[in-house]
Amino acid sequence: QVQLVESGGGLVQPGGSLRLSCAVSRRIVGIYTMGWYRQAPGKQRDLVAVLSSSGSTNYADSVKGRFTISRDNAKNTVYLQMNSLKPEDTAVYYCHLDTGSRSYWGQGTQVTVSS
């Protein structure tokens, strides 16, 4: 069983930055994709950014140039650096791991962008 634990959310003013972390309970080997999704109240859960085991990345158009997904293999941790935050970035952010045969979600961390 794999567990994902997010941290780093909080309240930030527009234009500010936050870094989210997703700690994976064990090292993942093979082909996999890790990603960040977000869900605002009353809306569906949407993809924010993904990072494959090969290192390729993909971002939602709304966050391109502002958000960066990265990983630290030694720490089994994936990060989402969020800069130039906007009120519309307010949501619960979820970490996701897809190994091809299994799918895992974290519990989510709240990000609120407000003055």
N, C-alpha and C. Protein backbone atom coordinates (compact mmCIF):
# COMPACT_ATOMS: atom_id res chain seq x y z
N GLN A 1 0.85 -1.19 0.00
CA GLN A 1 0.00 0.00 0.00
C GLN A 1 0.88 1.24 0.00
N VAL A 2 0.52 2.22 -0.79
CA VAL A 2 1.26 3.47 -0.90
C VAL A 2 0.41 4.59 -0.32
N GLN A 3 1.02 5.43 0.47
CA GLN A 3 0.33 6.59 1.02
C GLN A 3 0.98 7.87 0.52
N LEU A 4 0.15 8.86 0.22
CA LEU A 4 0.61 10.17 -0.22
C LEU A 4 0.15 11.19 0.81
N VAL A 5 1.07 12.02 1.26
CA VAL A 5 0.74 13.03 2.27
C VAL A 5 1.17 14.40 1.75
N GLU A 6 0.17 15.27 1.54
CA GLU A 6 0.45 16.62 1.06
C GLU A 6 0.67 17.57 2.24
N SER A 7 1.43 18.61 1.97
CA SER A 7 1.62 19.68 2.94
C SER A 7 2.00 20.94 2.19
N GLY A 8 1.96 22.06 2.92
CA GLY A 8 2.42 23.32 2.32
C GLY A 8 1.31 24.27 1.92
N GLY A 9 0.06 23.87 2.05
CA GLY A 9 -1.02 24.77 1.70
C GLY A 9 -1.17 25.87 2.75
N GLY A 10 -2.04 26.83 2.43
CA GLY A 10 -2.28 27.91 3.37
C GLY A 10 -2.93 29.09 2.69
N LEU A 11 -2.90 30.21 3.42
CA LEU A 11 -3.47 31.46 2.92
C LEU A 11 -2.34 32.35 2.41
N VAL A 12 -2.50 32.87 1.20
CA VAL A 12 -1.48 33.73 0.61
C VAL A 12 -2.18 34.85 -0.15
N GLN A 13 -1.52 36.00 -0.21
CA GLN A 13 -2.07 37.13 -0.94
C GLN A 13 -1.86 36.96 -2.45
N PRO A 14 -2.71 37.57 -3.26
CA PRO A 14 -2.49 37.53 -4.71
C PRO A 14 -1.09 38.00 -5.07
N GLY A 15 -0.47 37.27 -5.99
CA GLY A 15 0.90 37.57 -6.37
C GLY A 15 1.94 36.83 -5.56
N GLY A 16 1.50 36.18 -4.50
CA GLY A 16 2.43 35.46 -3.63
C GLY A 16 2.77 34.08 -4.14
N SER A 17 3.55 33.35 -3.33
CA SER A 17 4.02 32.03 -3.71
C SER A 17 3.79 31.02 -2.59
N LEU A 18 3.64 29.78 -2.98
CA LEU A 18 3.58 28.66 -2.05
C LEU A 18 4.26 27.47 -2.71
N ARG A 19 4.79 26.58 -1.87
CA ARG A 19 5.32 25.32 -2.39
C ARG A 19 4.62 24.17 -1.69
N LEU A 20 3.95 23.37 -2.47
CA LEU A 20 3.29 22.18 -1.95
C LEU A 20 4.24 20.99 -2.04
N SER A 21 4.14 20.12 -1.05
CA SER A 21 4.94 18.90 -1.03
C SER A 21 4.03 17.69 -0.95
N CYS A 22 4.45 16.61 -1.59
CA CYS A 22 3.72 15.35 -1.54
C CYS A 22 4.73 14.26 -1.21
N ALA A 23 4.66 13.76 0.01
CA ALA A 23 5.58 12.71 0.45
C ALA A 23 4.96 11.35 0.16
N VAL A 24 5.71 10.53 -0.55
CA VAL A 24 5.26 9.18 -0.90
C VAL A 24 5.87 8.21 0.11
N SER A 25 5.04 7.27 0.59
CA SER A 25 5.47 6.43 1.71
C SER A 25 6.57 5.44 1.35
N ARG A 26 6.76 5.18 0.06
CA ARG A 26 7.85 4.30 -0.34
C ARG A 26 8.31 4.66 -1.74
N ARG A 27 9.51 4.19 -2.06
CA ARG A 27 10.07 4.46 -3.38
C ARG A 27 9.26 3.74 -4.45
N ILE A 28 8.96 4.47 -5.50
CA ILE A 28 8.21 3.90 -6.61
C ILE A 28 9.18 3.57 -7.74
N VAL A 29 9.13 2.33 -8.21
CA VAL A 29 10.00 1.93 -9.31
C VAL A 29 9.14 1.66 -10.54
N GLY A 30 9.81 1.65 -11.69
CA GLY A 30 9.10 1.39 -12.93
C GLY A 30 8.53 2.67 -13.52
N ILE A 31 7.56 2.47 -14.39
CA ILE A 31 6.93 3.59 -15.10
C ILE A 31 5.75 4.10 -14.28
N TYR A 32 5.73 5.39 -14.03
CA TYR A 32 4.65 5.97 -13.25
C TYR A 32 4.50 7.44 -13.61
N THR A 33 3.39 7.99 -13.19
CA THR A 33 3.14 9.43 -13.36
C THR A 33 2.65 9.99 -12.04
N MET A 34 3.23 11.10 -11.66
CA MET A 34 2.75 11.80 -10.46
C MET A 34 2.20 13.14 -10.89
N GLY A 35 1.15 13.54 -10.21
CA GLY A 35 0.52 14.78 -10.61
C GLY A 35 -0.12 15.52 -9.47
N TRP A 36 -0.44 16.74 -9.74
CA TRP A 36 -1.21 17.59 -8.82
C TRP A 36 -2.52 17.95 -9.50
N TYR A 37 -3.60 17.80 -8.75
CA TYR A 37 -4.92 18.18 -9.20
C TYR A 37 -5.48 19.18 -8.20
N ARG A 38 -6.52 19.90 -8.59
CA ARG A 38 -7.17 20.80 -7.67
C ARG A 38 -8.67 20.79 -7.88
N GLN A 39 -9.36 21.09 -6.78
CA GLN A 39 -10.82 21.11 -6.84
C GLN A 39 -11.32 22.30 -6.04
N ALA A 40 -11.98 23.20 -6.74
CA ALA A 40 -12.60 24.35 -6.10
C ALA A 40 -14.02 23.98 -5.69
N PRO A 41 -14.59 24.69 -4.73
CA PRO A 41 -15.96 24.37 -4.28
C PRO A 41 -16.95 24.37 -5.43
N GLY A 42 -17.73 23.29 -5.53
CA GLY A 42 -18.75 23.21 -6.56
C GLY A 42 -18.24 22.88 -7.94
N LYS A 43 -16.95 22.60 -8.06
CA LYS A 43 -16.37 22.32 -9.37
C LYS A 43 -15.74 20.93 -9.39
N GLN A 44 -15.42 20.44 -10.58
CA GLN A 44 -14.79 19.14 -10.71
C GLN A 44 -13.31 19.25 -10.39
N ARG A 45 -12.71 18.09 -10.15
CA ARG A 45 -11.28 18.04 -9.89
C ARG A 45 -10.54 18.10 -11.23
N ASP A 46 -9.64 19.05 -11.34
CA ASP A 46 -8.93 19.29 -12.59
C ASP A 46 -7.43 19.05 -12.44
N LEU A 47 -6.83 18.63 -13.53
CA LEU A 47 -5.38 18.45 -13.56
C LEU A 47 -4.68 19.80 -13.51
N VAL A 48 -3.63 19.88 -12.71
CA VAL A 48 -2.81 21.09 -12.64
C VAL A 48 -1.46 20.83 -13.34
N ALA A 49 -0.79 19.75 -12.93
CA ALA A 49 0.52 19.45 -13.50
C ALA A 49 0.81 17.97 -13.31
N VAL A 50 1.55 17.39 -14.26
CA VAL A 50 1.98 16.00 -14.13
C VAL A 50 3.46 15.88 -14.44
N LEU A 51 4.06 14.88 -13.83
CA LEU A 51 5.48 14.59 -14.02
C LEU A 51 5.62 13.08 -14.19
N SER A 52 6.18 12.66 -15.33
CA SER A 52 6.32 11.23 -15.57
C SER A 52 7.64 10.73 -15.00
N SER A 53 7.77 9.42 -14.94
CA SER A 53 9.00 8.82 -14.43
C SER A 53 10.18 9.12 -15.35
N SER A 54 9.88 9.46 -16.61
CA SER A 54 10.95 9.82 -17.55
C SER A 54 11.38 11.26 -17.41
N GLY A 55 10.60 12.03 -16.66
CA GLY A 55 10.94 13.43 -16.43
C GLY A 55 10.14 14.43 -17.24
N SER A 56 9.29 13.95 -18.10
CA SER A 56 8.47 14.88 -18.88
C SER A 56 7.38 15.49 -18.02
N THR A 57 7.02 16.71 -18.35
CA THR A 57 6.01 17.43 -17.58
C THR A 57 4.91 17.94 -18.49
N ASN A 58 3.77 18.20 -17.87
CA ASN A 58 2.66 18.80 -18.60
C ASN A 58 1.87 19.65 -17.61
N TYR A 59 1.38 20.79 -18.08
CA TYR A 59 0.69 21.72 -17.20
C TYR A 59 -0.65 22.15 -17.81
N ALA A 60 -1.58 22.46 -16.93
CA ALA A 60 -2.80 23.10 -17.38
C ALA A 60 -2.45 24.48 -17.93
N ASP A 61 -3.18 24.90 -18.96
CA ASP A 61 -2.89 26.21 -19.57
C ASP A 61 -2.96 27.34 -18.54
N SER A 62 -3.85 27.21 -17.59
CA SER A 62 -4.07 28.29 -16.62
C SER A 62 -2.89 28.49 -15.67
N VAL A 63 -1.98 27.52 -15.59
CA VAL A 63 -0.86 27.64 -14.65
C VAL A 63 0.50 27.66 -15.34
N LYS A 64 0.52 27.51 -16.66
CA LYS A 64 1.79 27.51 -17.39
C LYS A 64 2.55 28.80 -17.15
N GLY A 65 3.83 28.66 -16.87
CA GLY A 65 4.67 29.82 -16.60
C GLY A 65 4.62 30.29 -15.16
N ARG A 66 3.69 29.77 -14.38
CA ARG A 66 3.59 30.17 -12.96
C ARG A 66 3.89 29.03 -12.00
N PHE A 67 3.50 27.82 -12.37
CA PHE A 67 3.68 26.64 -11.52
C PHE A 67 4.76 25.74 -12.09
N THR A 68 5.48 25.06 -11.18
CA THR A 68 6.50 24.11 -11.60
C THR A 68 6.40 22.85 -10.75
N ILE A 69 6.31 21.70 -11.41
CA ILE A 69 6.30 20.43 -10.71
C ILE A 69 7.70 19.84 -10.76
N SER A 70 8.13 19.26 -9.64
CA SER A 70 9.46 18.66 -9.58
C SER A 70 9.46 17.53 -8.56
N ARG A 71 10.56 16.80 -8.49
CA ARG A 71 10.63 15.70 -7.53
C ARG A 71 12.03 15.60 -6.95
N ASP A 72 12.09 15.02 -5.78
CA ASP A 72 13.35 14.69 -5.13
C ASP A 72 13.30 13.18 -4.86
N ASN A 73 13.97 12.42 -5.70
CA ASN A 73 13.89 10.96 -5.58
C ASN A 73 14.45 10.46 -4.26
N ALA A 74 15.46 11.14 -3.75
CA ALA A 74 16.07 10.72 -2.49
C ALA A 74 15.09 10.84 -1.32
N LYS A 75 14.17 11.79 -1.44
CA LYS A 75 13.19 12.02 -0.37
C LYS A 75 11.82 11.43 -0.71
N ASN A 76 11.68 10.79 -1.88
CA ASN A 76 10.38 10.27 -2.30
C ASN A 76 9.31 11.35 -2.21
N THR A 77 9.64 12.53 -2.70
CA THR A 77 8.75 13.68 -2.55
C THR A 77 8.60 14.40 -3.89
N VAL A 78 7.37 14.81 -4.17
CA VAL A 78 7.06 15.62 -5.34
C VAL A 78 6.60 16.99 -4.87
N TYR A 79 7.01 18.00 -5.59
CA TYR A 79 6.71 19.38 -5.20
C TYR A 79 5.89 20.08 -6.28
N LEU A 80 5.16 21.09 -5.85
CA LEU A 80 4.51 22.00 -6.78
C LEU A 80 4.83 23.41 -6.31
N GLN A 81 5.72 24.07 -7.04
CA GLN A 81 6.05 25.46 -6.75
C GLN A 81 5.04 26.34 -7.46
N MET A 82 4.36 27.17 -6.70
CA MET A 82 3.30 28.01 -7.25
C MET A 82 3.68 29.47 -7.04
N ASN A 83 3.87 30.19 -8.13
CA ASN A 83 4.22 31.61 -8.09
C ASN A 83 3.12 32.44 -8.72
N SER A 84 3.16 33.72 -8.45
CA SER A 84 2.17 34.66 -9.03
C SER A 84 0.75 34.15 -8.84
N LEU A 85 0.45 33.75 -7.62
CA LEU A 85 -0.85 33.15 -7.34
C LEU A 85 -1.99 34.15 -7.54
N LYS A 86 -3.10 33.61 -8.00
CA LYS A 86 -4.30 34.41 -8.28
C LYS A 86 -5.46 33.88 -7.43
N PRO A 87 -6.46 34.70 -7.18
CA PRO A 87 -7.62 34.22 -6.42
C PRO A 87 -8.26 32.97 -7.04
N GLU A 88 -8.22 32.86 -8.35
CA GLU A 88 -8.82 31.70 -9.01
C GLU A 88 -8.00 30.43 -8.82
N ASP A 89 -6.84 30.51 -8.21
CA ASP A 89 -6.07 29.32 -7.86
C ASP A 89 -6.55 28.70 -6.54
N THR A 90 -7.46 29.37 -5.88
CA THR A 90 -7.99 28.86 -4.62
C THR A 90 -8.70 27.53 -4.83
N ALA A 91 -8.27 26.52 -4.09
CA ALA A 91 -8.83 25.17 -4.24
C ALA A 91 -8.17 24.25 -3.22
N VAL A 92 -8.70 23.04 -3.14
CA VAL A 92 -7.99 21.97 -2.44
C VAL A 92 -7.11 21.28 -3.47
N TYR A 93 -5.84 21.15 -3.15
CA TYR A 93 -4.88 20.56 -4.07
C TYR A 93 -4.58 19.13 -3.63
N TYR A 94 -4.65 18.21 -4.59
CA TYR A 94 -4.45 16.80 -4.33
C TYR A 94 -3.26 16.26 -5.10
N CYS A 95 -2.50 15.43 -4.44
CA CYS A 95 -1.40 14.72 -5.08
C CYS A 95 -1.92 13.38 -5.59
N HIS A 96 -1.41 12.94 -6.73
CA HIS A 96 -1.89 11.70 -7.35
C HIS A 96 -0.72 10.91 -7.90
N LEU A 97 -0.78 9.61 -7.71
CA LEU A 97 0.21 8.68 -8.26
C LEU A 97 -0.50 7.63 -9.10
N ASP A 98 -0.04 7.48 -10.33
CA ASP A 98 -0.59 6.46 -11.23
C ASP A 98 0.55 5.55 -11.65
N THR A 99 0.48 4.28 -11.23
CA THR A 99 1.53 3.33 -11.58
C THR A 99 1.17 2.53 -12.83
N GLY A 100 0.01 2.80 -13.40
CA GLY A 100 -0.47 2.04 -14.55
C GLY A 100 -1.46 0.97 -14.12
N SER A 101 -1.17 0.34 -12.98
CA SER A 101 -2.07 -0.69 -12.47
C SER A 101 -2.83 -0.23 -11.23
N ARG A 102 -2.28 0.80 -10.55
CA ARG A 102 -2.93 1.33 -9.36
C ARG A 102 -2.92 2.84 -9.40
N SER A 103 -3.88 3.41 -8.68
CA SER A 103 -4.02 4.86 -8.59
C SER A 103 -4.17 5.23 -7.12
N TYR A 104 -3.40 6.24 -6.70
CA TYR A 104 -3.42 6.65 -5.31
C TYR A 104 -3.63 8.17 -5.23
N TRP A 105 -4.36 8.58 -4.20
CA TRP A 105 -4.61 10.00 -3.95
C TRP A 105 -4.19 10.36 -2.53
N GLY A 106 -3.73 11.60 -2.37
CA GLY A 106 -3.51 12.13 -1.05
C GLY A 106 -4.81 12.69 -0.49
N GLN A 107 -4.72 13.22 0.73
CA GLN A 107 -5.92 13.71 1.40
C GLN A 107 -6.26 15.14 1.01
N GLY A 108 -5.33 15.83 0.37
CA GLY A 108 -5.57 17.20 -0.08
C GLY A 108 -5.06 18.23 0.89
N THR A 109 -4.70 19.39 0.34
CA THR A 109 -4.26 20.52 1.15
C THR A 109 -4.91 21.78 0.58
N GLN A 110 -5.43 22.61 1.47
CA GLN A 110 -6.17 23.80 1.04
C GLN A 110 -5.21 24.93 0.68
N VAL A 111 -5.46 25.55 -0.46
CA VAL A 111 -4.74 26.75 -0.87
C VAL A 111 -5.77 27.85 -1.06
N THR A 112 -5.60 28.94 -0.35
CA THR A 112 -6.50 30.08 -0.45
C THR A 112 -5.71 31.31 -0.83
N VAL A 113 -6.11 31.93 -1.93
CA VAL A 113 -5.44 33.14 -2.41
C VAL A 113 -6.41 34.30 -2.24
N SER A 114 -6.10 35.17 -1.30
CA SER A 114 -7.02 36.26 -0.98
C SER A 114 -6.27 37.39 -0.29
N SER A 115 -6.75 38.60 -0.52
CA SER A 115 -6.17 39.75 0.16
C SER A 115 -6.95 40.07 1.42
